[in-house]
Protein backbone atom coordinates (compact mmCIF):
# COMPACT_ATOMS: atom_id res chain seq x y z
CA MET A 1 -246.70 -189.60 -145.68
CA ARG A 2 -250.23 -188.84 -146.88
CA THR A 3 -249.82 -191.35 -149.70
CA THR A 4 -248.73 -194.03 -147.21
CA ILE A 5 -251.72 -193.34 -144.93
CA ALA A 6 -254.11 -193.41 -147.87
CA THR A 7 -252.65 -196.72 -149.03
CA LEU A 8 -253.04 -198.22 -145.56
CA VAL A 9 -256.68 -197.09 -145.39
CA LEU A 10 -257.40 -198.72 -148.74
CA ILE A 11 -255.71 -201.94 -147.64
CA LEU A 12 -257.73 -202.07 -144.43
CA LEU A 13 -260.95 -201.29 -146.28
CA PHE A 14 -260.28 -204.01 -148.83
CA ALA A 15 -259.44 -206.50 -146.08
CA SER A 16 -262.66 -205.77 -144.21
CA GLN A 17 -264.71 -206.12 -147.38
CA SER A 18 -263.01 -209.36 -148.41
CA SER A 19 -263.55 -210.92 -144.97
CA ALA A 20 -267.27 -210.14 -145.00
CA GLU A 21 -269.42 -212.81 -146.62
CA ILE A 22 -272.17 -211.69 -148.97
CA CYS A 23 -275.20 -213.93 -148.49
CA PRO A 24 -276.25 -216.00 -151.52
CA ALA A 25 -279.00 -214.55 -153.69
CA PHE A 26 -281.20 -217.54 -152.90
CA PHE A 27 -281.20 -220.10 -150.10
CA ARG A 28 -283.80 -222.32 -148.50
CA PHE A 29 -281.94 -223.08 -145.25
CA VAL A 30 -279.41 -221.41 -142.97
CA ASP A 31 -276.69 -223.05 -140.90
CA PHE A 32 -275.60 -221.52 -137.58
CA GLY A 33 -272.26 -223.28 -137.78
CA LEU A 34 -270.02 -225.19 -135.40
CA GLN A 35 -266.90 -223.86 -133.71
CA GLY A 36 -263.89 -226.12 -134.11
CA THR A 37 -261.18 -226.66 -131.51
CA ASP A 38 -259.09 -224.12 -133.43
CA GLY A 39 -261.75 -221.46 -132.88
CA THR A 40 -262.78 -221.48 -136.53
CA ILE A 41 -266.47 -221.66 -137.47
CA TYR A 42 -267.37 -224.53 -139.78
CA ARG A 43 -270.59 -225.67 -141.43
CA GLY A 44 -272.72 -228.31 -139.70
CA GLY A 45 -274.42 -226.40 -136.90
CA PRO A 46 -278.13 -226.00 -136.10
CA THR A 47 -280.07 -225.57 -139.34
CA LEU A 48 -283.30 -223.61 -139.78
CA ARG A 49 -285.54 -223.15 -142.78
CA ALA A 50 -285.49 -219.79 -144.55
CA GLU A 51 -288.74 -220.65 -146.30
CA GLY A 52 -291.90 -222.40 -145.20
CA LEU A 53 -292.87 -225.94 -146.07
CA ASN A 54 -295.03 -224.47 -148.85
CA GLY A 55 -292.08 -222.54 -150.31
CA GLN A 56 -293.11 -219.17 -148.84
CA PRO A 57 -290.10 -216.93 -148.06
CA LEU A 58 -289.90 -216.37 -144.29
CA LEU A 59 -286.86 -214.17 -143.74
CA LEU A 60 -286.06 -210.50 -144.06
CA ARG A 61 -283.12 -211.44 -146.30
CA GLU A 62 -281.41 -208.06 -146.00
CA ARG A 63 -281.10 -208.59 -142.23
CA THR A 64 -279.40 -211.99 -142.49
CA THR A 65 -275.77 -211.94 -141.32
CA CYS A 66 -273.62 -214.49 -143.15
CA LEU A 67 -270.11 -215.66 -142.31
CA ASN A 68 -267.19 -216.32 -144.60
CA VAL A 69 -266.41 -220.02 -144.09
CA ARG A 70 -264.19 -222.37 -146.07
CA GLU A 71 -267.00 -224.57 -147.30
CA ILE A 72 -270.78 -224.48 -147.10
CA ALA A 73 -273.30 -227.26 -147.58
CA LYS A 74 -276.00 -227.48 -150.25
CA ASP A 75 -279.57 -228.62 -149.95
CA GLY A 76 -281.16 -231.42 -151.97
CA HIS A 77 -281.77 -229.04 -154.89
CA GLY A 78 -278.17 -227.83 -154.98
CA ASN A 79 -278.90 -224.47 -153.33
CA PRO A 80 -276.24 -223.10 -150.96
CA ILE A 81 -276.84 -223.19 -147.21
CA PRO A 82 -275.02 -220.14 -145.83
CA VAL A 83 -273.45 -220.17 -142.39
CA VAL A 84 -275.02 -217.31 -140.43
CA THR A 85 -274.81 -215.58 -137.06
CA SER A 86 -278.31 -214.10 -137.08
CA ILE A 87 -281.55 -214.13 -139.05
CA ASN A 88 -284.75 -212.10 -138.81
CA TYR A 89 -288.07 -213.69 -139.66
CA ASP A 90 -290.60 -211.47 -141.39
CA PRO A 91 -293.13 -210.78 -138.60
CA GLU A 92 -295.99 -210.99 -141.11
CA THR A 93 -295.20 -214.66 -141.77
CA THR A 94 -295.37 -215.70 -138.11
CA ASP A 95 -299.06 -214.95 -137.50
CA ILE A 96 -298.20 -214.25 -133.85
CA GLY A 97 -298.67 -210.46 -133.82
CA LEU A 98 -294.96 -209.66 -133.53
CA ASN A 99 -292.94 -206.63 -134.54
CA GLU A 100 -289.70 -208.61 -134.64
CA LEU A 101 -288.50 -212.20 -134.38
CA ARG A 102 -284.77 -212.87 -134.50
CA VAL A 103 -282.58 -215.95 -134.02
CA VAL A 104 -278.99 -215.25 -132.97
CA SER A 105 -275.88 -217.23 -132.09
CA VAL A 106 -273.71 -216.15 -129.15
CA ASP A 107 -270.82 -217.64 -127.19
CA ASP A 108 -272.89 -218.42 -124.09
CA THR A 109 -276.67 -217.99 -123.91
CA GLY A 110 -276.64 -218.63 -120.16
CA HIS A 111 -274.40 -215.64 -119.54
CA VAL A 112 -276.46 -213.36 -121.80
CA ALA A 113 -279.68 -214.54 -120.14
CA GLU A 114 -278.34 -213.82 -116.66
CA GLN A 115 -277.37 -210.30 -117.71
CA ASN A 116 -280.88 -209.77 -119.07
CA ALA A 117 -282.50 -211.09 -115.88
CA HIS A 118 -280.46 -208.83 -113.58
CA LEU A 119 -282.85 -205.84 -113.61
CA HIS A 120 -285.89 -208.05 -113.03
CA ARG A 121 -284.26 -209.63 -109.98
CA ILE A 122 -283.48 -206.20 -108.55
CA ARG A 123 -287.15 -205.31 -108.97
CA VAL A 124 -288.31 -208.53 -107.31
CA SER A 125 -286.18 -207.84 -104.24
CA ALA A 126 -287.33 -204.22 -103.85
CA ALA A 127 -289.75 -203.62 -100.98
CA ASP A 128 -292.13 -201.40 -102.98
CA THR A 129 -292.49 -203.73 -106.00
CA GLU A 130 -295.86 -205.31 -106.74
CA LEU A 131 -295.32 -209.03 -107.35
CA THR A 132 -297.72 -211.30 -109.23
CA ARG A 133 -297.22 -215.06 -109.28
CA GLY A 134 -298.81 -217.28 -111.89
CA PRO A 135 -298.55 -220.98 -112.71
CA ASN A 136 -295.40 -220.44 -114.80
CA PHE A 137 -294.40 -216.80 -114.30
CA LEU A 138 -293.38 -214.21 -111.72
CA CYS A 139 -294.10 -210.59 -112.66
CA ALA A 140 -292.73 -207.45 -111.01
CA ARG A 141 -294.19 -203.95 -111.37
CA PRO A 142 -292.19 -201.19 -109.63
CA ALA A 143 -294.28 -198.74 -107.64
CA GLY A 144 -295.38 -195.76 -109.75
CA SER A 145 -293.89 -197.23 -112.91
CA GLN A 146 -295.51 -197.92 -116.25
CA THR A 147 -293.32 -200.96 -116.76
CA LEU A 148 -293.64 -204.66 -116.04
CA SER A 149 -291.12 -207.48 -116.12
CA CYS A 150 -291.90 -211.17 -115.91
CA GLN A 151 -289.72 -214.26 -115.59
CA LEU A 152 -291.34 -217.21 -117.29
CA GLU A 153 -290.74 -220.92 -117.52
CA SER A 154 -288.85 -221.55 -120.73
CA PRO A 155 -290.27 -224.09 -123.19
CA TYR A 156 -286.70 -225.14 -124.02
CA PRO A 157 -284.50 -227.40 -121.85
CA GLY A 158 -281.68 -226.10 -119.70
CA ASN A 159 -283.55 -223.92 -117.17
CA ILE A 160 -281.96 -220.76 -118.63
CA ALA A 161 -283.55 -217.53 -117.37
CA LEU A 162 -286.31 -216.14 -119.59
CA VAL A 163 -287.32 -212.57 -118.68
CA ILE A 164 -289.59 -210.29 -120.70
CA TYR A 165 -289.79 -206.52 -120.20
CA CYS A 166 -292.91 -204.54 -121.12
CA ASP A 167 -293.90 -200.88 -121.15
CA ALA A 168 -296.89 -199.00 -122.55
CA VAL A 169 -295.56 -199.40 -126.11
CA ALA A 170 -294.10 -202.89 -126.46
CA CYS A 171 -292.99 -206.10 -124.81
CA ARG A 172 -289.39 -207.11 -125.45
CA MET A 173 -287.99 -210.58 -125.02
CA PRO A 174 -284.22 -210.03 -125.45
CA ILE A 175 -283.31 -213.69 -125.05
CA MET A 176 -285.06 -217.05 -124.96
CA ALA A 177 -282.32 -219.66 -125.10
CA ILE A 178 -282.80 -222.50 -127.58
CA SER A 179 -279.45 -224.05 -126.65
CA ASP A 180 -276.16 -223.00 -125.08
CA LYS A 181 -275.25 -221.09 -128.28
CA LEU A 182 -278.53 -220.11 -129.91
CA HIS A 183 -281.34 -217.85 -128.75
CA VAL A 184 -284.48 -216.09 -129.91
CA SER A 185 -285.40 -212.45 -129.37
CA ALA A 186 -288.80 -210.92 -130.06
CA VAL A 187 -290.77 -207.68 -129.78
CA TRP A 188 -294.54 -207.24 -129.89
CA PRO A 189 -296.86 -204.25 -129.38
CA THR A 190 -298.81 -203.50 -126.23
CA ASP A 191 -300.52 -200.54 -124.53
CA ALA A 192 -300.97 -198.96 -121.12
CA ALA A 193 -304.03 -201.11 -120.35
CA PHE A 194 -301.88 -204.23 -120.75
CA LEU A 195 -299.86 -203.24 -117.69
CA GLU A 196 -302.86 -202.80 -115.42
CA ASN A 197 -303.45 -206.52 -114.98
CA PRO A 198 -300.12 -208.30 -114.37
CA ASN A 199 -301.78 -211.69 -114.04
CA ALA A 200 -303.37 -211.42 -117.49
CA ALA A 201 -300.16 -209.92 -118.86
CA GLY A 202 -298.09 -212.83 -117.55
CA ALA A 203 -300.50 -215.31 -119.14
CA ASP A 204 -300.35 -213.40 -122.42
CA MET A 205 -296.53 -213.47 -122.38
CA SER A 206 -296.58 -217.18 -121.70
CA ASP A 207 -298.89 -217.66 -124.68
CA LYS A 208 -296.56 -215.61 -126.92
CA VAL A 209 -293.58 -217.71 -125.83
CA ARG A 210 -295.44 -220.92 -126.65
CA LYS A 211 -296.51 -219.63 -130.06
CA ILE A 212 -292.96 -218.54 -130.91
CA ARG A 213 -291.64 -221.99 -130.05
CA ASP A 214 -294.45 -223.65 -132.03
CA PHE A 215 -293.56 -221.47 -135.03
CA LEU A 216 -289.88 -222.40 -134.89
CA VAL A 217 -290.17 -226.17 -134.24
CA PRO A 218 -291.26 -227.20 -137.76
CA LEU A 219 -288.58 -224.91 -139.23
CA SER A 220 -285.76 -226.86 -137.59
CA ALA A 221 -284.15 -228.99 -140.27
CA SER A 222 -281.88 -232.00 -140.18
CA LEU A 223 -280.24 -232.33 -143.59
């Protein structure tokens, strides 16, 4: 009996290892894949650069999640283009003052964005919440709280909710939808003084959002 159980464990372990794709040692682009009508992920999805136009590596390679697909594309130099579900840009390469910048694929960015916006909408409807309206943001600060949440106008099409949550340590943008399947998340440092002026904070968040988009636009590749 013990031998049978041990054998089954080894089989399951081997199966899980064989189904996990190890990312190539070197790649210049990543492919977020396309889902076929059979539910299988194929190459040919949105493609982003893994290195800058000057050849500078941009990703934290160890945090790239690759998929095991039947066939992957190659760039003009013959390097593989892995199909991925998420990548993390090295914050130092962004020059935006971030702690984290991640691009992720999900089944439905609209659904994820609505879940993220739920707490902010509760705050907005509460009678004791301090509301601050700007040209492209609505911020909510609960009474007696050292937190602030702001819904901003997204720089991407689709009118998908973009809500950022800040406390005395950091601002967190869990989801800014690029498309119906792809989104960006980011974290950047802040302090208690940041929360004291919601109008300035909302403007600062809007500026961060613009800079993140401006960073990603030239990295989008059509191969």
